[in-house]
Protein backbone atom coordinates (compact mmCIF):
# COMPACT_ATOMS: atom_id res chain seq x y z
CA UNK A 1 -8.83 -37.24 21.91
CA UNK A 2 -10.45 -33.77 21.72
CA UNK A 3 -11.53 -32.69 18.25
CA UNK A 4 -9.21 -30.36 16.38
CA UNK A 5 -9.59 -28.40 13.17
CA UNK A 6 -6.80 -27.54 10.75
CA UNK A 7 -6.40 -23.93 9.73
CA UNK A 8 -7.93 -24.72 6.32
CA UNK A 9 -10.93 -26.46 7.89
CA UNK A 10 -11.55 -23.63 10.31
CA UNK A 11 -11.18 -20.98 7.60
CA UNK A 12 -13.69 -22.79 5.38
CA UNK A 13 -16.17 -23.31 8.23
CA UNK A 14 -15.96 -19.73 9.55
CA UNK A 15 -15.95 -18.07 6.13
CA UNK A 16 -12.59 -16.36 6.59
CA UNK A 17 -9.21 -16.83 4.93
CA UNK A 18 -6.27 -18.81 6.25
CA UNK A 19 -4.27 -15.59 5.99
CA UNK A 20 -6.73 -13.90 8.36
CA UNK A 21 -6.42 -16.72 10.89
CA UNK A 22 -2.63 -16.60 10.71
CA UNK A 23 -2.75 -12.83 11.26
CA UNK A 24 -5.05 -13.29 14.26
CA UNK A 25 -2.53 -15.73 15.69
CA UNK A 26 0.45 -13.50 14.99
CA UNK A 27 -1.11 -10.56 16.87
CA UNK A 28 -2.13 -12.77 19.79
CA UNK A 29 -5.89 -12.65 19.30
CA UNK A 30 -6.37 -16.28 18.24
CA UNK A 31 -3.37 -18.51 18.93
CA UNK A 32 -3.65 -22.12 17.69
CA UNK A 33 -3.92 -24.85 20.28
CA UNK A 34 -0.89 -26.49 18.69
CA UNK A 35 1.35 -26.29 15.66
CA UNK A 36 2.35 -29.45 13.79
CA UNK A 37 5.89 -30.37 12.84
CA UNK A 38 5.20 -29.09 9.32
CA UNK A 39 4.03 -25.73 10.63
CA UNK A 40 0.34 -26.53 10.24
CA UNK A 41 -1.81 -24.74 12.81
CA UNK A 42 -4.62 -26.57 14.62
CA UNK A 43 -7.52 -25.24 16.68
CA UNK A 44 -9.65 -26.82 19.39
CA UNK A 45 -13.20 -26.09 20.59
CA UNK A 46 -12.04 -23.24 22.80
CA UNK A 47 -10.46 -21.59 19.75
CA UNK A 48 -13.74 -21.98 17.85
CA UNK A 49 -15.63 -20.18 20.61
CA UNK A 50 -12.96 -17.48 20.71
CA UNK A 51 -13.13 -17.01 16.94
CA UNK A 52 -16.90 -16.68 17.13
CA UNK A 53 -16.48 -13.84 19.64
CA UNK A 54 -13.82 -12.21 17.47
CA UNK A 55 -16.09 -12.24 14.42
CA UNK A 56 -19.01 -10.88 16.42
CA UNK A 57 -16.88 -8.05 17.82
CA UNK A 58 -15.46 -7.34 14.39
CA UNK A 59 -18.99 -7.05 12.99
CA UNK A 60 -19.66 -4.46 15.71
CA UNK A 61 -16.86 -2.37 14.27
CA UNK A 62 -14.10 -3.05 16.80
CA UNK A 63 -10.52 -3.11 15.57
CA UNK A 64 -8.17 -5.91 16.60
CA UNK A 65 -6.48 -4.03 19.47
CA UNK A 66 -9.89 -3.36 21.04
CA UNK A 67 -10.98 -6.95 20.42
CA UNK A 68 -7.83 -8.17 22.13
CA UNK A 69 -8.65 -6.01 25.15
CA UNK A 70 -12.21 -7.31 25.31
CA UNK A 71 -11.07 -10.94 25.12
CA UNK A 72 -8.39 -10.35 27.74
CA UNK A 73 -10.96 -8.87 30.11
CA UNK A 74 -9.01 -5.71 30.84
CA UNK A 75 -10.53 -3.15 33.19
CA UNK A 76 -10.94 -0.60 30.42
CA UNK A 77 -13.05 -2.91 28.27
CA UNK A 78 -16.17 -0.87 28.98
CA UNK A 79 -14.40 2.30 27.87
CA UNK A 80 -13.27 0.67 24.63
CA UNK A 81 -16.75 -0.64 23.93
CA UNK A 82 -18.34 2.71 24.74
CA UNK A 83 -16.03 4.46 22.28
CA UNK A 84 -16.87 2.00 19.55
CA UNK A 85 -20.55 2.19 20.41
CA UNK A 86 -20.38 5.92 19.74
CA UNK A 87 -18.78 5.20 16.38
CA UNK A 88 -21.45 2.68 15.51
CA UNK A 89 -24.24 5.06 16.47
CA UNK A 90 -22.71 7.73 14.24
CA UNK A 91 -22.48 5.20 11.41
CA UNK A 92 -26.10 4.18 11.99
CA UNK A 93 -27.22 7.80 11.72
CA UNK A 94 -25.39 8.09 8.43
CA UNK A 95 -26.97 4.88 7.16
CA UNK A 96 -30.42 6.09 8.24
CA UNK A 97 -29.92 9.28 6.23
CA UNK A 98 -28.84 7.29 3.19
CA UNK A 99 -31.79 4.94 3.50
CA UNK A 100 -34.12 7.92 3.62
CA UNK A 101 -32.41 9.45 0.59
CA UNK A 102 -32.85 6.26 -1.42
CA UNK A 103 -36.46 5.89 -0.25
CA UNK A 104 -37.22 9.45 -1.32
CA UNK A 105 -35.65 8.84 -4.75
CA UNK A 106 -37.65 5.63 -5.18
CA UNK A 107 -40.95 7.24 -4.21
CA UNK A 108 -40.44 10.23 -6.50
CA UNK A 109 -39.40 7.96 -9.35
CA UNK A 110 -42.50 5.82 -8.95
CA UNK A 111 -44.72 8.93 -8.88
CA UNK A 112 -42.93 10.46 -11.86
CA UNK A 113 -41.86 13.51 -9.84
CA UNK A 114 -38.75 15.59 -10.46
CA UNK A 115 -35.71 14.43 -8.53
CA UNK A 116 -33.85 16.85 -6.25
CA UNK A 117 -30.11 16.19 -6.14
CA UNK A 118 -29.68 17.57 -2.62
CA UNK A 119 -32.26 15.08 -1.34
CA UNK A 120 -30.74 12.18 -3.27
CA UNK A 121 -27.29 12.60 -1.83
CA UNK A 122 -28.11 13.59 1.74
CA UNK A 123 -25.88 11.52 4.01
CA UNK A 124 -23.27 11.01 1.29
CA UNK A 125 -21.52 14.34 0.99
CA UNK A 126 -19.14 16.49 3.01
CA UNK A 127 -21.63 18.84 4.68
CA UNK A 128 -21.45 16.97 7.97
CA UNK A 129 -17.87 18.31 8.32
CA UNK A 130 -18.71 21.94 7.54
CA UNK A 131 -17.66 23.36 10.91
CA UNK A 132 -14.34 21.50 10.92
CA UNK A 133 -13.48 22.67 7.40
CA UNK A 134 -14.26 26.31 8.21
CA UNK A 135 -12.35 26.20 11.48
CA UNK A 136 -9.21 24.73 9.94
CA UNK A 137 -9.13 26.20 6.43
CA UNK A 138 -11.59 29.07 6.37
CA UNK A 139 -15.06 29.74 5.01
CA UNK A 140 -13.84 30.25 1.46
CA UNK A 141 -12.41 26.73 1.38
CA UNK A 142 -15.76 25.31 2.42
CA UNK A 143 -17.72 27.50 -0.01
CA UNK A 144 -15.47 26.50 -2.93
CA UNK A 145 -15.77 22.79 -2.24
CA UNK A 146 -19.50 23.05 -1.52
CA UNK A 147 -20.10 24.92 -4.80
CA UNK A 148 -18.06 22.33 -6.69
CA UNK A 149 -20.12 19.50 -5.17
CA UNK A 150 -23.43 21.14 -6.01
CA UNK A 151 -22.36 21.75 -9.60
CA UNK A 152 -21.60 18.07 -10.23
CA UNK A 153 -24.28 16.13 -12.05
CA UNK A 154 -25.84 13.03 -10.48
CA UNK A 155 -23.52 10.59 -12.26
CA UNK A 156 -20.46 12.54 -11.18
CA UNK A 157 -21.61 12.64 -7.57
CA UNK A 158 -22.35 8.93 -7.59
CA UNK A 159 -18.89 8.21 -9.01
CA UNK A 160 -17.28 10.33 -6.28
CA UNK A 161 -19.23 8.56 -3.54
CA UNK A 162 -18.24 5.19 -4.97
CA UNK A 163 -14.60 6.25 -5.24
CA UNK A 164 -14.20 7.42 -1.67
CA UNK A 165 -16.22 4.50 -0.31
CA UNK A 166 -13.95 2.02 -2.08
CA UNK A 167 -10.85 3.85 -0.87
CA UNK A 168 -12.09 3.83 2.73
CA UNK A 169 -12.85 0.10 2.56
CA UNK A 170 -9.40 -0.65 1.20
CA UNK A 171 -7.80 1.41 3.98
CA UNK A 172 -9.78 -0.49 6.64
CA UNK A 173 -8.92 -3.87 5.09
CA UNK A 174 -5.23 -2.98 4.90
CA UNK A 175 -5.20 -1.95 8.56
CA UNK A 176 -7.10 -5.09 9.55
CA UNK A 177 -4.59 -7.23 7.67
CA UNK A 178 -1.73 -5.68 9.65
CA UNK A 179 0.11 -4.32 6.62
CA UNK A 180 3.15 -2.09 7.04
CA UNK A 181 2.09 1.59 6.66
CA UNK A 182 5.38 2.19 4.83
CA UNK A 183 4.96 -0.88 2.61
CA UNK A 184 4.07 -0.77 -1.10
CA UNK A 185 0.36 -1.57 -0.72
CA UNK A 186 -0.23 1.08 1.95
CA UNK A 187 1.83 3.62 0.03
CA UNK A 188 -0.22 3.03 -3.10
CA UNK A 189 -3.34 3.74 -1.04
CA UNK A 190 -1.67 6.90 0.30
CA UNK A 191 -0.88 8.04 -3.24
CA UNK A 192 -4.49 7.51 -4.32
CA UNK A 193 -5.72 9.27 -1.19
CA UNK A 194 -3.58 12.35 -1.81
CA UNK A 195 -4.63 12.40 -5.49
CA UNK A 196 -8.26 12.31 -4.37
CA UNK A 197 -7.68 15.19 -1.93
CA UNK A 198 -5.91 17.21 -4.60
CA UNK A 199 -8.91 16.87 -6.94
CA UNK A 200 -11.30 18.74 -4.62
CA UNK A 201 -11.66 22.51 -5.12
CA UNK A 202 -11.13 24.55 -1.96
CA UNK A 203 -8.43 22.28 -0.59
CA UNK A 204 -4.92 23.72 -0.08
CA UNK A 205 -2.88 23.05 -3.19
CA UNK A 206 -5.83 22.43 -5.50
CA UNK A 207 -5.06 23.39 -9.09
CA UNK A 208 -1.30 23.61 -8.53
CA UNK A 209 1.38 21.36 -9.98
CA UNK A 210 2.40 20.27 -6.48
CA UNK A 211 -1.11 19.24 -5.42
CA UNK A 212 -2.13 18.99 -1.77
CA UNK A 213 0.41 20.53 0.60
CA UNK A 214 2.29 18.42 3.12
CA UNK A 215 0.87 20.53 5.96
CA UNK A 216 -2.67 19.95 4.74
CA UNK A 217 -2.25 16.18 4.38
CA UNK A 218 -0.62 15.84 7.80
CA UNK A 219 -3.33 17.97 9.40
CA UNK A 220 -6.04 15.79 7.89
CA UNK A 221 -4.20 12.63 8.90
CA UNK A 222 -4.17 13.77 12.53
CA UNK A 223 -7.84 14.72 12.34
CA UNK A 224 -8.74 11.24 11.09
CA UNK A 225 -7.41 9.90 14.40
CA UNK A 226 -8.66 12.65 16.71
CA UNK A 227 -12.24 12.81 15.43
CA UNK A 228 -14.25 9.62 15.88
CA UNK A 229 -16.49 10.50 12.93
CA UNK A 230 -13.49 10.38 10.61
CA UNK A 231 -12.00 7.34 12.34
CA UNK A 232 -15.24 5.44 11.73
CA UNK A 233 -14.50 5.57 7.99
CA UNK A 234 -11.44 3.40 8.57
CA UNK A 235 -12.82 0.89 11.06
CA UNK A 236 -12.08 2.90 14.21
CA UNK A 237 -9.11 4.59 15.82
CA UNK A 238 -6.62 1.81 15.02
CA UNK A 239 -7.53 1.99 11.35
CA UNK A 240 -7.27 5.78 11.36
CA UNK A 241 -3.82 5.55 12.97
CA UNK A 242 -2.76 3.23 10.16
CA UNK A 243 -3.98 5.77 7.58
CA UNK A 244 -2.18 8.59 9.43
CA UNK A 245 1.09 6.67 9.55
CA UNK A 246 0.89 5.72 5.87
CA UNK A 247 0.09 9.28 4.77
CA UNK A 248 2.84 10.69 6.99
CA UNK A 249 5.38 8.35 5.42
CA UNK A 250 4.10 9.18 1.94
CA UNK A 251 4.40 12.96 2.21
């Protein structure tokens, strides 16, 4: 009889959770080879090979819909991969800038030289989106937010970077888990996201009791999907669509 693995055995071996495997099955990416009378899911060797491909594609940054297309061998697989390759290359450029920033900080620290904040946080801040901000909300909005960023001390900047990085990771994980954009977990993320937006000088609604305007939040939500640089923050287009839908429901 061909070897089979229970869902718990496969989860432990592959380093994923049983919940993840069940979600993969529910969306049709990794169906079990059979389901026992007690509802236990079992997987054969073909499923193991398929899961290996899924994990490799996930590590490349592909969202589940794109992974499903790749595994199904659709004609537009190359297009999907090319799109995600562009996202990965953008992410790599950002990582390269951050590596260089950390290297510069280390070298100056070791030589006892004065640190320059602009060098330390290159690759972390909002300047890469300067043109988009000016086009949508005007030069004053960009100048106000840029001045605010430059006036923060190093600890404050680091805290901001950590905050938005954590928020982006939680968005991507929520989308990957297939949560309901209108559900309580996604709506809590949306609330935190809007609070974060409202705390940035130069943004519409900053400093008012109402906070960020509905128009501003919806405009950003659409931009997250339309612009691959923003979508990369949430694991790709599918993740950005999840963020957009959650924010739209929230506001």
